[in-house]
Amino acid sequence: MTPDSPLSLAAEEWITDLTAAEMERLRKRTTLTAAEAQEVCRSVRSIAQQMMLVPVSMWQGDPRLVADLFDLPVTMNQTQEDRPCRS
């Protein structure tokens, strides 16, 4: 996936916005050193990526979309029966 693809840009914007909002909420409640804030920011960003992973992977049931979005290897051995049910 190229960094300037529409999917990549949309994902990055969502992750960045969510991370910034959560870091702002945290700044209002506590004081962290620069190193602590950087570590928390990394963790929040990782969680945001994981939050996006499941819904995106279920989109059209296409594992290639997730592989493209997160630069992961494509696993095509998952059958329709192996996929989680949508509710």
PDB file of N, CA and C in Angstrom:
ATOM      1  N   MET A   1       0.855  -1.173   0.000  1.00  0.00           N
ATOM      2  CA  MET A   1       0.000   0.000   0.000  1.00  0.00           C
ATOM      3  C   MET A   1       0.895   1.228   0.000  1.00  0.00           C
ATOM      4  N   THR A   2       0.556   2.166  -0.815  1.00  0.00           N
ATOM      5  CA  THR A   2       1.348   3.388  -0.867  1.00  0.00           C
ATOM      6  C   THR A   2       0.861   4.359   0.201  1.00  0.00           C
ATOM      7  N   PRO A   3       1.768   5.132   0.773  1.00  0.00           N
ATOM      8  CA  PRO A   3       1.376   6.066   1.836  1.00  0.00           C
ATOM      9  C   PRO A   3       0.347   7.099   1.407  1.00  0.00           C
ATOM     10  N   ASP A   4       0.253   7.370   0.106  1.00  0.00           N
ATOM     11  CA  ASP A   4      -0.695   8.389  -0.343  1.00  0.00           C
ATOM     12  C   ASP A   4      -1.977   7.797  -0.939  1.00  0.00           C
ATOM     13  N   SER A   5      -2.193   6.488  -0.759  1.00  0.00           N
ATOM     14  CA  SER A   5      -3.440   5.899  -1.252  1.00  0.00           C
ATOM     15  C   SER A   5      -4.604   6.416  -0.408  1.00  0.00           C
ATOM     16  N   PRO A   6      -5.800   6.515  -0.984  1.00  0.00           N
ATOM     17  CA  PRO A   6      -6.952   7.030  -0.228  1.00  0.00           C
ATOM     18  C   PRO A   6      -7.233   6.234   1.042  1.00  0.00           C
ATOM     19  N   LEU A   7      -7.091   4.920   0.971  1.00  0.00           N
ATOM     20  CA  LEU A   7      -7.337   4.084   2.144  1.00  0.00           C
ATOM     21  C   LEU A   7      -6.325   4.374   3.242  1.00  0.00           C
ATOM     22  N   SER A   8      -5.069   4.488   2.860  1.00  0.00           N
ATOM     23  CA  SER A   8      -4.020   4.784   3.827  1.00  0.00           C
ATOM     24  C   SER A   8      -4.214   6.159   4.457  1.00  0.00           C
ATOM     25  N   LEU A   9      -4.554   7.147   3.636  1.00  0.00           N
ATOM     26  CA  LEU A   9      -4.753   8.503   4.152  1.00  0.00           C
ATOM     27  C   LEU A   9      -5.942   8.572   5.104  1.00  0.00           C
ATOM     28  N   ALA A  10      -7.030   7.896   4.772  1.00  0.00           N
ATOM     29  CA  ALA A  10      -8.208   7.892   5.641  1.00  0.00           C
ATOM     30  C   ALA A  10      -7.909   7.197   6.960  1.00  0.00           C
ATOM     31  N   ALA A  11      -7.223   6.074   6.900  1.00  0.00           N
ATOM     32  CA  ALA A  11      -6.872   5.345   8.120  1.00  0.00           C
ATOM     33  C   ALA A  11      -5.949   6.179   8.994  1.00  0.00           C
ATOM     34  N   GLU A  12      -4.952   6.773   8.391  1.00  0.00           N
ATOM     35  CA  GLU A  12      -3.997   7.589   9.146  1.00  0.00           C
ATOM     36  C   GLU A  12      -4.685   8.784   9.784  1.00  0.00           C
ATOM     37  N   GLU A  13      -5.593   9.413   9.062  1.00  0.00           N
ATOM     38  CA  GLU A  13      -6.311  10.565   9.613  1.00  0.00           C
ATOM     39  C   GLU A  13      -7.151  10.155  10.821  1.00  0.00           C
ATOM     40  N   TRP A  14      -7.861   9.036  10.721  1.00  0.00           N
ATOM     41  CA  TRP A  14      -8.694   8.561  11.825  1.00  0.00           C
ATOM     42  C   TRP A  14      -7.835   8.221  13.035  1.00  0.00           C
ATOM     43  N   ILE A  15      -6.747   7.507  12.816  1.00  0.00           N
ATOM     44  CA  ILE A  15      -5.856   7.108  13.914  1.00  0.00           C
ATOM     45  C   ILE A  15      -5.227   8.338  14.558  1.00  0.00           C
ATOM     46  N   THR A  16      -4.784   9.290  13.759  1.00  0.00           N
ATOM     47  CA  THR A  16      -4.169  10.510  14.282  1.00  0.00           C
ATOM     48  C   THR A  16      -5.168  11.334  15.090  1.00  0.00           C
ATOM     49  N   ASP A  17      -6.383  11.486  14.565  1.00  0.00           N
ATOM     50  CA  ASP A  17      -7.413  12.253  15.278  1.00  0.00           C
ATOM     51  C   ASP A  17      -7.771  11.604  16.611  1.00  0.00           C
ATOM     52  N   LEU A  18      -7.959  10.297  16.607  1.00  0.00           N
ATOM     53  CA  LEU A  18      -8.298   9.587  17.840  1.00  0.00           C
ATOM     54  C   LEU A  18      -7.171   9.704  18.859  1.00  0.00           C
ATOM     55  N   THR A  19      -5.944   9.521  18.412  1.00  0.00           N
ATOM     56  CA  THR A  19      -4.792   9.611  19.309  1.00  0.00           C
ATOM     57  C   THR A  19      -4.674  11.014  19.898  1.00  0.00           C
ATOM     58  N   ALA A  20      -4.818  12.032  19.076  1.00  0.00           N
ATOM     59  CA  ALA A  20      -4.722  13.416  19.561  1.00  0.00           C
ATOM     60  C   ALA A  20      -5.812  13.719  20.580  1.00  0.00           C
ATOM     61  N   ALA A  21      -7.024  13.263  20.321  1.00  0.00           N
ATOM     62  CA  ALA A  21      -8.128  13.513  21.255  1.00  0.00           C
ATOM     63  C   ALA A  21      -7.887  12.823  22.594  1.00  0.00           C
ATOM     64  N   GLU A  22      -7.431  11.590  22.556  1.00  0.00           N
ATOM     65  CA  GLU A  22      -7.169  10.867  23.805  1.00  0.00           C
ATOM     66  C   GLU A  22      -5.999  11.478  24.572  1.00  0.00           C
ATOM     67  N   MET A  23      -4.976  11.928  23.861  1.00  0.00           N
ATOM     68  CA  MET A  23      -3.844  12.560  24.541  1.00  0.00           C
ATOM     69  C   MET A  23      -4.270  13.883  25.171  1.00  0.00           C
ATOM     70  N   GLU A  24      -5.142  14.627  24.520  1.00  0.00           N
ATOM     71  CA  GLU A  24      -5.645  15.882  25.084  1.00  0.00           C
ATOM     72  C   GLU A  24      -6.460  15.608  26.344  1.00  0.00           C
ATOM     73  N   ARG A  25      -7.304  14.600  26.301  1.00  0.00           N
ATOM     74  CA  ARG A  25      -8.079  14.228  27.497  1.00  0.00           C
ATOM     75  C   ARG A  25      -7.150  13.846  28.647  1.00  0.00           C
ATOM     76  N   LEU A  26      -6.090  13.123  28.339  1.00  0.00           N
ATOM     77  CA  LEU A  26      -5.137  12.712  29.366  1.00  0.00           C
ATOM     78  C   LEU A  26      -4.399  13.921  29.931  1.00  0.00           C
ATOM     79  N   ARG A  27      -4.004  14.862  29.078  1.00  0.00           N
ATOM     80  CA  ARG A  27      -3.291  16.065  29.543  1.00  0.00           C
ATOM     81  C   ARG A  27      -4.130  16.880  30.524  1.00  0.00           C
ATOM     82  N   LYS A  28      -5.448  16.852  30.347  1.00  0.00           N
ATOM     83  CA  LYS A  28      -6.332  17.590  31.250  1.00  0.00           C
ATOM     84  C   LYS A  28      -6.435  16.935  32.621  1.00  0.00           C
ATOM     85  N   ARG A  29      -6.134  15.654  32.695  1.00  0.00           N
ATOM     86  CA  ARG A  29      -6.293  14.918  33.949  1.00  0.00           C
ATOM     87  C   ARG A  29      -5.002  14.660  34.702  1.00  0.00           C
ATOM     88  N   THR A  30      -3.870  14.705  34.016  1.00  0.00           N
ATOM     89  CA  THR A  30      -2.620  14.348  34.671  1.00  0.00           C
ATOM     90  C   THR A  30      -1.446  15.049  34.002  1.00  0.00           C
ATOM     91  N   THR A  31      -0.309  15.015  34.668  1.00  0.00           N
ATOM     92  CA  THR A  31       0.912  15.583  34.118  1.00  0.00           C
ATOM     93  C   THR A  31       1.900  14.446  33.893  1.00  0.00           C
ATOM     94  N   LEU A  32       2.402  14.353  32.690  1.00  0.00           N
ATOM     95  CA  LEU A  32       3.371  13.321  32.347  1.00  0.00           C
ATOM     96  C   LEU A  32       4.660  13.971  31.873  1.00  0.00           C
ATOM     97  N   THR A  33       5.760  13.267  32.085  1.00  0.00           N
ATOM     98  CA  THR A  33       7.015  13.728  31.500  1.00  0.00           C
ATOM     99  C   THR A  33       6.924  13.529  29.989  1.00  0.00           C
ATOM    100  N   ALA A  34       7.851  14.120  29.269  1.00  0.00           N
ATOM    101  CA  ALA A  34       7.850  13.973  27.806  1.00  0.00           C
ATOM    102  C   ALA A  34       7.993  12.504  27.408  1.00  0.00           C
ATOM    103  N   ALA A  35       8.858  11.787  28.105  1.00  0.00           N
ATOM    104  CA  ALA A  35       9.060  10.365  27.796  1.00  0.00           C
ATOM    105  C   ALA A  35       7.799   9.555  28.090  1.00  0.00           C
ATOM    106  N   GLU A  36       7.141   9.850  29.208  1.00  0.00           N
ATOM    107  CA  GLU A  36       5.898   9.147  29.546  1.00  0.00           C
ATOM    108  C   GLU A  36       4.804   9.444  28.523  1.00  0.00           C
ATOM    109  N   ALA A  37       4.687  10.702  28.141  1.00  0.00           N
ATOM    110  CA  ALA A  37       3.674  11.085  27.157  1.00  0.00           C
ATOM    111  C   ALA A  37       3.933  10.403  25.815  1.00  0.00           C
ATOM    112  N   GLN A  38       5.186  10.309  25.433  1.00  0.00           N
ATOM    113  CA  GLN A  38       5.530   9.650  24.172  1.00  0.00           C
ATOM    114  C   GLN A  38       5.165   8.166  24.217  1.00  0.00           C
ATOM    115  N   GLU A  39       5.433   7.511  25.331  1.00  0.00           N
ATOM    116  CA  GLU A  39       5.106   6.090  25.470  1.00  0.00           C
ATOM    117  C   GLU A  39       3.597   5.868  25.469  1.00  0.00           C
ATOM    118  N   VAL A  40       2.866   6.717  26.179  1.00  0.00           N
ATOM    119  CA  VAL A  40       1.405   6.609  26.193  1.00  0.00           C
ATOM    120  C   VAL A  40       0.856   6.856  24.789  1.00  0.00           C
ATOM    121  N   CYS A  41       1.397   7.831  24.101  1.00  0.00           N
ATOM    122  CA  CYS A  41       0.951   8.139  22.742  1.00  0.00           C
ATOM    123  C   CYS A  41       1.167   6.937  21.820  1.00  0.00           C
ATOM    124  N   ARG A  42       2.311   6.284  21.941  1.00  0.00           N
ATOM    125  CA  ARG A  42       2.573   5.079  21.145  1.00  0.00           C
ATOM    126  C   ARG A  42       1.537   3.999  21.434  1.00  0.00           C
ATOM    127  N   SER A  43       1.221   3.829  22.718  1.00  0.00           N
ATOM    128  CA  SER A  43       0.247   2.809  23.109  1.00  0.00           C
ATOM    129  C   SER A  43      -1.151   3.138  22.597  1.00  0.00           C
ATOM    130  N   VAL A  44      -1.561   4.393  22.742  1.00  0.00           N
ATOM    131  CA  VAL A  44      -2.889   4.808  22.270  1.00  0.00           C
ATOM    132  C   VAL A  44      -2.982   4.619  20.760  1.00  0.00           C
ATOM    133  N   ARG A  45      -1.932   4.972  20.059  1.00  0.00           N
ATOM    134  CA  ARG A  45      -1.914   4.811  18.596  1.00  0.00           C
ATOM    135  C   ARG A  45      -2.030   3.334  18.206  1.00  0.00           C
ATOM    136  N   SER A  46      -1.324   2.482  18.927  1.00  0.00           N
ATOM    137  CA  SER A  46      -1.399   1.045  18.657  1.00  0.00           C
ATOM    138  C   SER A  46      -2.807   0.514  18.905  1.00  0.00           C
ATOM    139  N   ILE A  47      -3.428   0.960  19.987  1.00  0.00           N
ATOM    140  CA  ILE A  47      -4.801   0.548  20.293  1.00  0.00           C
ATOM    141  C   ILE A  47      -5.750   1.040  19.203  1.00  0.00           C
ATOM    142  N   ALA A  48      -5.559   2.266  18.744  1.00  0.00           N
ATOM    143  CA  ALA A  48      -6.411   2.808  17.675  1.00  0.00           C
ATOM    144  C   ALA A  48      -6.282   1.964  16.408  1.00  0.00           C
ATOM    145  N   GLN A  49      -5.074   1.539  16.095  1.00  0.00           N
ATOM    146  CA  GLN A  49      -4.880   0.689  14.922  1.00  0.00           C
ATOM    147  C   GLN A  49      -5.603  -0.640  15.094  1.00  0.00           C
ATOM    148  N   GLN A  50      -5.521  -1.213  16.296  1.00  0.00           N
ATOM    149  CA  GLN A  50      -6.204  -2.482  16.552  1.00  0.00           C
ATOM    150  C   GLN A  50      -7.718  -2.317  16.507  1.00  0.00           C
ATOM    151  N   MET A  51      -8.216  -1.179  17.001  1.00  0.00           N
ATOM    152  CA  MET A  51      -9.657  -0.914  16.956  1.00  0.00           C
ATOM    153  C   MET A  51     -10.146  -0.856  15.511  1.00  0.00           C
ATOM    154  N   MET A  52      -9.312  -0.382  14.640  1.00  0.00           N
ATOM    155  CA  MET A  52      -9.682  -0.264  13.237  1.00  0.00           C
ATOM    156  C   MET A  52      -9.558  -1.606  12.519  1.00  0.00           C
ATOM    157  N   LEU A  53      -8.696  -2.467  12.993  1.00  0.00           N
ATOM    158  CA  LEU A  53      -8.390  -3.715  12.303  1.00  0.00           C
ATOM    159  C   LEU A  53      -9.603  -4.629  12.145  1.00  0.00           C
ATOM    160  N   VAL A  54     -10.358  -4.872  13.208  1.00  0.00           N
ATOM    161  CA  VAL A  54     -11.485  -5.807  13.143  1.00  0.00           C
ATOM    162  C   VAL A  54     -12.587  -5.321  12.211  1.00  0.00           C
ATOM    163  N   PRO A  55     -13.084  -4.079  12.372  1.00  0.00           N
ATOM    164  CA  PRO A  55     -14.132  -3.648  11.438  1.00  0.00           C
ATOM    165  C   PRO A  55     -13.676  -3.638   9.984  1.00  0.00           C
ATOM    166  N   VAL A  56     -12.447  -3.239   9.763  1.00  0.00           N
ATOM    167  CA  VAL A  56     -11.953  -3.194   8.392  1.00  0.00           C
ATOM    168  C   VAL A  56     -11.811  -4.603   7.837  1.00  0.00           C
ATOM    169  N   SER A  57     -11.358  -5.537   8.663  1.00  0.00           N
ATOM    170  CA  SER A  57     -11.190  -6.910   8.180  1.00  0.00           C
ATOM    171  C   SER A  57     -12.523  -7.548   7.842  1.00  0.00           C
ATOM    172  N   MET A  58     -13.582  -7.125   8.524  1.00  0.00           N
ATOM    173  CA  MET A  58     -14.892  -7.690   8.249  1.00  0.00           C
ATOM    174  C   MET A  58     -15.554  -7.019   7.044  1.00  0.00           C
ATOM    175  N   TRP A  59     -15.015  -5.904   6.613  1.00  0.00           N
ATOM    176  CA  TRP A  59     -15.593  -5.204   5.476  1.00  0.00           C
ATOM    177  C   TRP A  59     -15.473  -6.093   4.255  1.00  0.00           C
ATOM    178  N   GLN A  60     -16.587  -6.490   3.746  1.00  0.00           N
ATOM    179  CA  GLN A  60     -16.660  -7.387   2.597  1.00  0.00           C
ATOM    180  C   GLN A  60     -15.963  -8.721   2.860  1.00  0.00           C
ATOM    181  N   GLY A  61     -15.565  -8.987   4.100  1.00  0.00           N
ATOM    182  CA  GLY A  61     -14.880 -10.235   4.408  1.00  0.00           C
ATOM    183  C   GLY A  61     -13.582 -10.408   3.637  1.00  0.00           C
ATOM    184  N   ASP A  62     -12.948  -9.314   3.281  1.00  0.00           N
ATOM    185  CA  ASP A  62     -11.774  -9.367   2.417  1.00  0.00           C
ATOM    186  C   ASP A  62     -10.488  -9.179   3.214  1.00  0.00           C
ATOM    187  N   PRO A  63      -9.739 -10.262   3.486  1.00  0.00           N
ATOM    188  CA  PRO A  63      -8.499 -10.130   4.257  1.00  0.00           C
ATOM    189  C   PRO A  63      -7.435  -9.324   3.517  1.00  0.00           C
ATOM    190  N   ARG A  64      -7.585  -9.173   2.205  1.00  0.00           N
ATOM    191  CA  ARG A  64      -6.602  -8.382   1.453  1.00  0.00           C
ATOM    192  C   ARG A  64      -6.669  -6.911   1.825  1.00  0.00           C
ATOM    193  N   LEU A  65      -7.856  -6.433   2.202  1.00  0.00           N
ATOM    194  CA  LEU A  65      -8.007  -5.034   2.595  1.00  0.00           C
ATOM    195  C   LEU A  65      -7.187  -4.737   3.843  1.00  0.00           C
ATOM    196  N   VAL A  66      -7.277  -5.617   4.829  1.00  0.00           N
ATOM    197  CA  VAL A  66      -6.502  -5.427   6.062  1.00  0.00           C
ATOM    198  C   VAL A  66      -5.014  -5.543   5.771  1.00  0.00           C
ATOM    199  N   ALA A  67      -4.639  -6.511   4.970  1.00  0.00           N
ATOM    200  CA  ALA A  67      -3.230  -6.667   4.622  1.00  0.00           C
ATOM    201  C   ALA A  67      -2.711  -5.401   3.951  1.00  0.00           C
ATOM    202  N   ASP A  68      -3.511  -4.824   3.077  1.00  0.00           N
ATOM    203  CA  ASP A  68      -3.117  -3.604   2.382  1.00  0.00           C
ATOM    204  C   ASP A  68      -3.031  -2.422   3.340  1.00  0.00           C
ATOM    205  N   LEU A  69      -4.020  -2.304   4.208  1.00  0.00           N
ATOM    206  CA  LEU A  69      -4.080  -1.174   5.125  1.00  0.00           C
ATOM    207  C   LEU A  69      -2.922  -1.164   6.108  1.00  0.00           C
ATOM    208  N   PHE A  70      -2.569  -2.340   6.630  1.00  0.00           N
ATOM    209  CA  PHE A  70      -1.554  -2.410   7.676  1.00  0.00           C
ATOM    210  C   PHE A  70      -0.242  -3.025   7.203  1.00  0.00           C
ATOM    211  N   ASP A  71      -0.072  -3.148   5.897  1.00  0.00           N
ATOM    212  CA  ASP A  71       1.146  -3.741   5.338  1.00  0.00           C
ATOM    213  C   ASP A  71       1.452  -5.094   5.962  1.00  0.00           C
ATOM    214  N   LEU A  72       0.421  -5.933   6.058  1.00  0.00           N
ATOM    215  CA  LEU A  72       0.559  -7.277   6.604  1.00  0.00           C
ATOM    216  C   LEU A  72       0.550  -8.289   5.468  1.00  0.00           C
ATOM    217  N   PRO A  73       1.062  -9.503   5.744  1.00  0.00           N
ATOM    218  CA  PRO A  73       0.971 -10.531   4.705  1.00  0.00           C
ATOM    219  C   PRO A  73      -0.488 -10.933   4.491  1.00  0.00           C
ATOM    220  N   VAL A  74      -0.823 -11.269   3.279  1.00  0.00           N
ATOM    221  CA  VAL A  74      -2.187 -11.685   2.960  1.00  0.00           C
ATOM    222  C   VAL A  74      -2.345 -13.155   3.312  1.00  0.00           C
ATOM    223  N   THR A  75      -3.372 -13.464   4.087  1.00  0.00           N
ATOM    224  CA  THR A  75      -3.692 -14.857   4.397  1.00  0.00           C
ATOM    225  C   THR A  75      -5.029 -15.168   3.758  1.00  0.00           C
ATOM    226  N   MET A  76      -5.007 -15.971   2.739  1.00  0.00           N
ATOM    227  CA  MET A  76      -6.215 -16.279   1.978  1.00  0.00           C
ATOM    228  C   MET A  76      -6.776 -17.654   2.333  1.00  0.00           C
ATOM    229  N   ASN A  77      -6.241 -18.320   3.347  1.00  0.00           N
ATOM    230  CA  ASN A  77      -6.691 -19.666   3.673  1.00  0.00           C
ATOM    231  C   ASN A  77      -7.916 -19.676   4.578  1.00  0.00           C
ATOM    232  N   GLN A  78      -8.439 -18.535   4.910  1.00  0.00           N
ATOM    233  CA  GLN A  78      -9.608 -18.457   5.772  1.00  0.00           C
ATOM    234  C   GLN A  78     -10.859 -18.674   4.925  1.00  0.00           C
ATOM    235  N   THR A  79     -11.667 -19.656   5.315  1.00  0.00           N
ATOM    236  CA  THR A  79     -12.890 -19.931   4.566  1.00  0.00           C
ATOM    237  C   THR A  79     -14.028 -19.100   5.125  1.00  0.00           C
ATOM    238  N   GLN A  80     -15.143 -19.084   4.418  1.00  0.00           N
ATOM    239  CA  GLN A  80     -16.316 -18.333   4.873  1.00  0.00           C
ATOM    240  C   GLN A  80     -16.757 -18.827   6.248  1.00  0.00           C
ATOM    241  N   GLU A  81     -16.663 -20.138   6.489  1.00  0.00           N
ATOM    242  CA  GLU A  81     -17.088 -20.699   7.769  1.00  0.00           C
ATOM    243  C   GLU A  81     -16.179 -20.267   8.913  1.00  0.00           C
ATOM    244  N   ASP A  82     -14.919 -19.957   8.618  1.00  0.00           N
ATOM    245  CA  ASP A  82     -13.969 -19.554   9.654  1.00  0.00           C
ATOM    246  C   ASP A  82     -14.146 -18.105  10.079  1.00  0.00           C
ATOM    247  N   ARG A  83     -14.810 -17.315   9.265  1.00  0.00           N
ATOM    248  CA  ARG A  83     -14.956 -15.895   9.568  1.00  0.00           C
ATOM    249  C   ARG A  83     -15.984 -15.694  10.669  1.00  0.00           C
ATOM    250  N   PRO A  84     -15.772 -14.694  11.525  1.00  0.00           N
ATOM    251  CA  PRO A  84     -16.759 -14.431  12.579  1.00  0.00           C
ATOM    252  C   PRO A  84     -18.083 -13.971  11.984  1.00  0.00           C
ATOM    253  N   CYS A  85     -19.152 -14.314  12.661  1.00  0.00           N
ATOM    254  CA  CYS A  85     -20.481 -13.902  12.204  1.00  0.00           C
ATOM    255  C   CYS A  85     -20.648 -12.408  12.400  1.00  0.00           C
ATOM    256  N   ARG A  86     -21.296 -11.773  11.473  1.00  0.00           N
ATOM    257  CA  ARG A  86     -21.613 -10.351  11.618  1.00  0.00           C
ATOM    258  C   ARG A  86     -22.933 -10.245  12.339  1.00  0.00           C
ATOM    259  N   SER A  87     -23.012  -9.311  13.256  1.00  0.00           N
ATOM    260  CA  SER A  87     -24.284  -9.130  13.964  1.00  0.00           C
ATOM    261  C   SER A  87     -24.778  -7.721  13.806  1.00  0.00           C
TER     262      SER A  87
END
